[in-house]
Amino acid sequence: MARVKRTEKKIWFPIVAPKIFYNQVVGQILLTNPSDAIGRIVPVNLANLTRDPRRQNITIKLKASNVAGEKIHTELIGYKISPSFVKKLVRKGGTKIDYSFTAYTADNKNLRIKTTLLARKEIKTSVSTALKKTVEDILKKEIKKMSFVEIMQAIVTYKIQSGMKKQLAKVYPLKVFEIRHLGIEKIKKTEEEKPLKVEEKKAEEKPAKEEVKEKKTEEKTEKKEVKEIPEKPSKETEKSEEKKE
């Protein structure tokens, strides 16, 4: 008789939002072991967490970080506005400026920030560049003072967006200022970080080849020395030989 494999029974485990959202249950997941959920990404509509229908176009990303009891706790890792909502805000005769840059937080996390600026009228290129520079300068200074969690909290509550709109009015009055995306930037491996073992071996082999070439050139010079034509006898030696005869 073949042995029947015992399968562990799967249970529904609740997924809990961070403290900023009062540890609300955002969903459930069917697993045998709750620790298997760690590292998984859970997208959640912000309107469901804030009970504000005006935030239904915003999605936040939660990442399962730890398990406490039978609850899977999460951390906030991303914020995104739907592209269709941004398109609806654009009007004819206006100007849309999309600008993206990176900035480091107080807890040394590299963030990718994508902003959208909307003006009611067409604006000059010089004004557009001035707005971009102002956005980057102000946000980089603010983000450097705050931790990642504090920044996400300020964006979700719209404190940063409303404050930026007021400061940008000194350069040019805008209809809308939005942070359409915010997340942790992935670090790419540079060429300097790659091992250079192969290159080192090649560098060691090169002088050996040069030594062989030098030996060959030495052999050639020796052969040339052997082939040299002997010197002709002088006239005095020829006369002395004739007298002897």
Protein backbone atom coordinates (compact mmCIF):
# COMPACT_ATOMS: atom_id res chain seq x y z
CA MET A 1 0.00 0.00 0.00
CA ALA A 2 1.30 3.44 -0.98
CA ARG A 3 1.69 5.87 1.88
CA VAL A 4 -0.69 8.81 1.81
CA LYS A 5 1.10 12.16 2.20
CA ARG A 6 -0.28 14.31 4.96
CA THR A 7 -1.04 17.84 3.84
CA GLU A 8 -1.10 20.60 6.42
CA LYS A 9 -4.34 22.47 6.68
CA LYS A 10 -4.31 26.02 5.32
CA ILE A 11 -5.72 28.84 7.43
CA TRP A 12 -6.81 32.40 6.63
CA PHE A 13 -4.40 34.90 8.20
CA PRO A 14 -5.33 38.62 8.44
CA ILE A 15 -3.03 41.24 6.87
CA VAL A 16 -2.71 44.37 9.02
CA ALA A 17 -1.85 47.92 7.85
CA PRO A 18 0.86 50.05 9.60
CA LYS A 19 0.19 52.34 12.60
CA ILE A 20 -0.38 55.33 10.30
CA PHE A 21 -3.62 53.58 9.24
CA TYR A 22 -4.50 52.45 12.79
CA ASN A 23 -3.55 48.79 12.15
CA GLN A 24 -6.64 48.18 10.05
CA VAL A 25 -7.13 44.75 8.46
CA VAL A 26 -6.61 45.23 4.70
CA GLY A 27 -7.11 41.63 3.62
CA GLN A 28 -6.57 37.95 4.29
CA ILE A 29 -4.24 35.30 2.88
CA LEU A 30 -4.60 31.50 2.88
CA LEU A 31 -1.40 29.85 4.15
CA THR A 32 -0.17 26.94 6.24
CA ASN A 33 2.49 29.10 7.90
CA PRO A 34 2.07 32.90 8.29
CA SER A 35 5.85 33.49 7.98
CA ASP A 36 5.57 32.45 4.29
CA ALA A 37 3.86 35.79 3.64
CA ILE A 38 6.90 37.88 4.68
CA GLY A 39 8.24 39.90 1.74
CA ARG A 40 5.00 39.82 -0.25
CA ILE A 41 3.64 43.08 -1.69
CA VAL A 42 0.03 44.07 -1.00
CA PRO A 43 -1.46 46.94 -3.09
CA VAL A 44 -4.28 48.75 -1.30
CA ASN A 45 -6.59 51.56 -2.42
CA LEU A 46 -6.04 54.58 -0.17
CA ALA A 47 -9.77 55.40 -0.12
CA ASN A 48 -10.45 52.11 1.70
CA LEU A 49 -8.01 53.05 4.46
CA THR A 50 -8.87 56.74 4.89
CA ARG A 51 -12.62 56.42 4.19
CA ASP A 52 -12.16 59.35 1.82
CA PRO A 53 -13.61 58.75 -1.70
CA ARG A 54 -11.39 61.54 -3.11
CA ARG A 55 -8.38 59.22 -2.58
CA GLN A 56 -9.76 56.38 -4.71
CA ASN A 57 -7.24 57.14 -7.50
CA ILE A 58 -4.28 56.55 -5.17
CA THR A 59 -2.73 53.12 -4.53
CA ILE A 60 -0.28 52.46 -1.74
CA LYS A 61 2.08 49.49 -1.57
CA LEU A 62 2.40 47.54 1.67
CA LYS A 63 5.06 44.90 2.31
CA ALA A 64 4.58 42.05 4.79
CA SER A 65 7.35 42.60 7.34
CA ASN A 66 6.67 40.48 10.44
CA VAL A 67 4.21 38.13 12.13
CA ALA A 68 2.72 38.77 15.57
CA GLY A 69 0.45 36.00 16.82
CA GLU A 70 -1.74 35.10 13.87
CA LYS A 71 -1.57 38.56 12.26
CA ILE A 72 0.71 39.52 9.37
CA HIS A 73 1.96 43.08 9.90
CA THR A 74 3.04 45.31 7.00
CA GLU A 75 5.13 48.39 6.29
CA LEU A 76 4.49 51.21 3.80
CA ILE A 77 6.91 51.11 0.84
CA GLY A 78 5.23 52.96 -2.05
CA TYR A 79 2.68 55.51 -3.23
CA LYS A 80 1.22 55.90 -6.73
CA ILE A 81 -1.50 57.92 -8.47
CA SER A 82 -3.28 56.29 -11.42
CA PRO A 83 -2.16 57.78 -14.80
CA SER A 84 -5.78 58.06 -15.98
CA PHE A 85 -6.55 60.46 -13.11
CA VAL A 86 -3.60 62.72 -14.03
CA LYS A 87 -4.75 62.80 -17.68
CA LYS A 88 -8.20 64.02 -16.59
CA LEU A 89 -6.62 67.01 -14.84
CA VAL A 90 -4.95 68.28 -18.04
CA ARG A 91 -6.92 70.94 -19.95
CA LYS A 92 -6.49 72.46 -23.40
CA GLY A 93 -4.21 75.47 -23.51
CA GLY A 94 -2.51 74.45 -20.28
CA THR A 95 0.96 73.09 -19.55
CA LYS A 96 1.88 69.76 -18.00
CA ILE A 97 5.36 69.26 -16.50
CA ASP A 98 6.54 65.81 -15.41
CA TYR A 99 9.74 65.76 -13.38
CA SER A 100 11.55 62.86 -11.71
CA PHE A 101 14.58 62.77 -9.39
CA THR A 102 16.09 60.85 -6.46
CA ALA A 103 16.68 61.96 -2.87
CA TYR A 104 18.07 60.43 0.34
CA THR A 105 16.10 60.29 3.58
CA ALA A 106 17.40 60.81 7.13
CA ASP A 107 17.55 56.99 7.53
CA ASN A 108 19.67 56.75 4.33
CA LYS A 109 17.03 55.38 1.93
CA ASN A 110 17.27 56.42 -1.72
CA LEU A 111 13.82 57.46 -2.97
CA ARG A 112 12.54 57.91 -6.50
CA ILE A 113 10.12 60.85 -6.63
CA LYS A 114 7.98 61.55 -9.70
CA THR A 115 6.11 64.85 -9.71
CA THR A 116 3.49 66.42 -11.99
CA LEU A 117 2.93 70.18 -12.29
CA LEU A 118 -0.08 71.61 -14.12
CA ALA A 119 -0.45 75.25 -15.19
CA ARG A 120 -3.62 76.82 -16.60
CA LYS A 121 -1.74 78.52 -19.46
CA GLU A 122 1.26 77.82 -21.66
CA ILE A 123 4.50 78.74 -19.93
CA LYS A 124 7.98 79.47 -21.26
CA THR A 125 10.82 76.93 -21.12
CA SER A 126 12.77 79.17 -18.72
CA VAL A 127 9.83 79.18 -16.27
CA SER A 128 9.50 75.39 -16.61
CA THR A 129 13.18 74.82 -15.75
CA ALA A 130 12.91 77.25 -12.81
CA LEU A 131 9.91 75.29 -11.45
CA LYS A 132 11.75 71.96 -11.79
CA LYS A 133 14.82 73.30 -9.99
CA THR A 134 12.70 74.74 -7.17
CA VAL A 135 10.82 71.43 -6.73
CA GLU A 136 14.04 69.41 -6.53
CA ASP A 137 15.84 71.84 -4.20
CA ILE A 138 12.97 72.16 -1.72
CA LEU A 139 12.01 68.48 -1.62
CA LYS A 140 15.60 67.27 -1.27
CA LYS A 141 16.12 69.54 1.75
CA GLU A 142 12.84 68.42 3.36
CA ILE A 143 13.35 64.71 2.68
CA LYS A 144 16.90 64.79 4.11
CA LYS A 145 15.46 65.85 7.49
CA MET A 146 12.78 63.12 7.62
CA SER A 147 12.68 59.33 7.87
CA PHE A 148 10.98 57.27 5.16
CA VAL A 149 7.92 56.60 7.35
CA GLU A 150 7.54 60.33 8.15
CA ILE A 151 7.76 61.23 4.43
CA MET A 152 5.10 58.67 3.48
CA GLN A 153 2.86 59.97 6.26
CA ALA A 154 3.29 63.57 5.04
CA ILE A 155 2.47 62.58 1.44
CA VAL A 156 -0.57 60.47 2.36
CA THR A 157 -1.97 63.37 4.43
CA TYR A 158 -1.15 65.83 1.57
CA LYS A 159 1.03 68.08 3.77
CA ILE A 160 3.96 68.05 1.33
CA GLN A 161 1.82 68.62 -1.77
CA SER A 162 -0.08 71.60 -0.35
CA GLY A 163 3.11 73.14 1.05
CA MET A 164 4.95 72.76 -2.27
CA LYS A 165 2.12 74.39 -4.21
CA LYS A 166 2.33 77.50 -1.99
CA GLN A 167 6.12 77.76 -2.36
CA LEU A 168 6.00 77.26 -6.14
CA ALA A 169 3.51 80.14 -6.43
CA LYS A 170 6.50 82.47 -5.89
CA VAL A 171 7.93 81.20 -9.20
CA TYR A 172 4.64 80.65 -11.07
CA PRO A 173 1.05 80.01 -9.81
CA LEU A 174 0.10 76.38 -10.53
CA LYS A 175 -3.27 74.72 -10.85
CA VAL A 176 -2.07 71.36 -9.52
CA PHE A 177 1.05 69.95 -7.88
CA GLU A 178 1.06 66.18 -7.40
CA ILE A 179 3.54 63.54 -6.33
CA ARG A 180 2.37 60.78 -8.67
CA HIS A 181 4.93 58.19 -7.54
CA LEU A 182 7.19 57.62 -4.56
CA GLY A 183 9.17 54.49 -3.80
CA ILE A 184 12.56 53.11 -2.77
CA GLU A 185 15.03 53.12 -5.66
CA LYS A 186 16.73 49.80 -6.42
CA ILE A 187 20.52 49.93 -6.22
CA LYS A 188 22.26 48.77 -9.39
CA LYS A 189 25.67 47.10 -9.30
CA THR A 190 28.33 49.26 -10.86
CA GLU A 191 31.21 47.97 -12.96
CA GLU A 192 33.60 48.88 -10.12
CA GLU A 193 31.87 46.39 -7.80
CA LYS A 194 32.37 43.49 -10.25
CA PRO A 195 35.35 41.16 -9.54
CA LEU A 196 38.48 41.85 -11.57
CA LYS A 197 40.08 38.39 -11.29
CA VAL A 198 40.08 37.76 -15.04
CA GLU A 199 41.60 41.14 -15.78
CA GLU A 200 44.35 40.57 -13.21
CA LYS A 201 45.29 37.24 -14.79
CA LYS A 202 45.52 38.79 -18.22
CA ALA A 203 47.68 41.57 -16.87
CA GLU A 204 50.07 38.99 -15.35
CA GLU A 205 50.31 37.01 -18.60
CA LYS A 206 51.30 40.00 -20.72
CA PRO A 207 54.85 40.48 -19.38
CA ALA A 208 55.53 36.76 -19.95
CA LYS A 209 54.73 37.23 -23.66
CA GLU A 210 57.03 40.23 -23.79
CA GLU A 211 59.86 38.13 -22.30
CA VAL A 212 59.39 35.52 -25.06
CA LYS A 213 59.58 38.25 -27.68
CA GLU A 214 62.78 39.57 -26.11
CA LYS A 215 64.33 36.08 -26.20
CA LYS A 216 63.44 35.72 -29.88
CA THR A 217 65.03 39.06 -30.70
CA GLU A 218 68.20 38.01 -28.81
CA GLU A 219 68.38 34.77 -30.84
CA LYS A 220 68.04 36.71 -34.09
CA THR A 221 70.87 39.06 -33.14
CA GLU A 222 73.12 36.08 -32.33
CA LYS A 223 72.44 34.54 -35.74
CA LYS A 224 73.22 37.81 -37.43
CA GLU A 225 76.55 38.00 -35.62
CA VAL A 226 77.52 34.55 -36.96
CA LYS A 227 76.68 35.51 -40.55
CA GLU A 228 78.97 38.56 -40.51
CA ILE A 229 81.52 38.65 -43.46
CA PRO A 230 85.19 38.28 -42.38
CA GLU A 231 87.50 41.22 -42.90
CA LYS A 232 89.65 41.30 -46.10
CA PRO A 233 93.45 40.82 -45.60
CA SER A 234 95.53 43.97 -45.91
CA LYS A 235 98.04 44.53 -48.78
CA GLU A 236 101.07 44.10 -46.46
CA THR A 237 99.96 40.59 -45.44
CA GLU A 238 99.47 39.65 -49.12
CA LYS A 239 103.03 40.76 -50.03
CA SER A 240 104.53 38.85 -47.12
CA GLU A 241 102.80 35.68 -48.23
CA GLU A 242 104.09 36.09 -51.85
CA LYS A 243 107.70 36.44 -50.61
CA LYS A 244 107.39 33.25 -48.61
CA GLU A 245 106.31 31.38 -51.74
